[in-house]
Amino acid sequence: MVLLIAAALASDYSRDDCGSESTLDDLRDAYRRGEDAFANLDLGGLEGATADAQSSLPCLNEPIPPLDVAAYHRLMGLSAFASQDEETMKGEFHAARKLEPGYAVPAEVAPTGHPMIEAYDRAHIADEGELQVPFPPEGGFVTVGGVQGAPRPSKSPVIVQVYDAEGELRHTAHYAPGESMPEWGPPPLDPGPPMPLIVAASGTALTAGAMYGAAWYFNGQFWSEDTPDSELAGLRAKTNALAYSSLGAAVVSVGLGTVVVLTW
């Protein structure tokens, strides 16, 4: 049964369906051709470069670094701008700006004041949605935007790469906003309650109880008819000090208990 499950998970992220592997150079060539086509108002050339990048990405045979992920998102944004798909354009440009915030559109691609540049500059404002943590294969890892262990914003396009336990790249894909990702491995085990906080809360509560008990004892001594007048001042001081300390410890215990509830 374990072998069957492992085989099923492996089939979900295998690159075996690729007829031939692609490289970062293939993607970079598509980026350059796409920008040139956009600059020359060559819609057919832009569509061809976009299609080449989209077909090359799933068959990539090497890690894709964040700057190349940003370039891919920019190409998808240029294509969306040309086809007047404003929603897709905004998401792709936003993802590109997040990964390469210092990038400026070259003047040879679009001159100053071009509507595309204005759209690119505005794209930093976008709702990314909730952050989702991918489930990597057992012993492996996942990169989002070229960054290992990064979460996936649910409302932002991302490029995800999946590596198996041997460090072999098994899957590369572009996920659109809202598109579900597979669970390439089991979810992480529940770490359970935060034991240090529980121990601290319990210990503080016991301390508060002990202080309150001592305060009650000295208070009883204070009111006892057998207690000499000379000891009353000392008993009053001890009672008050223990009572206030008990109250403070109780407040700390409640605070720690609240943290336990909120973090578990």
Foldseek 3Di string as FASTA:
>chain_A
DVVVVLVVLLVQQALVVDPDAAELVQLVVLLVQLLQCLLVVNLVSLVVSLVSNQSRQFRYQDQDALQSQLSNLCSQLSNCVVVVVLLSNLQSLLSSCVSPVPDDDDCSSPNPPPVSRVSSVVSVDDQLADWAFAAAAVLWWKDWSRHTRGTHRQQHKIWMWGAYNVRGTGGIHIAHRNRDDDRSYDDDDDPDFPVVLVVLLVVLLVLLVVLQVVLVVLVVLLPDPPRDPVCNVVSVVSNVVSNVSSVVSNVVSVVSVVVRVVVD
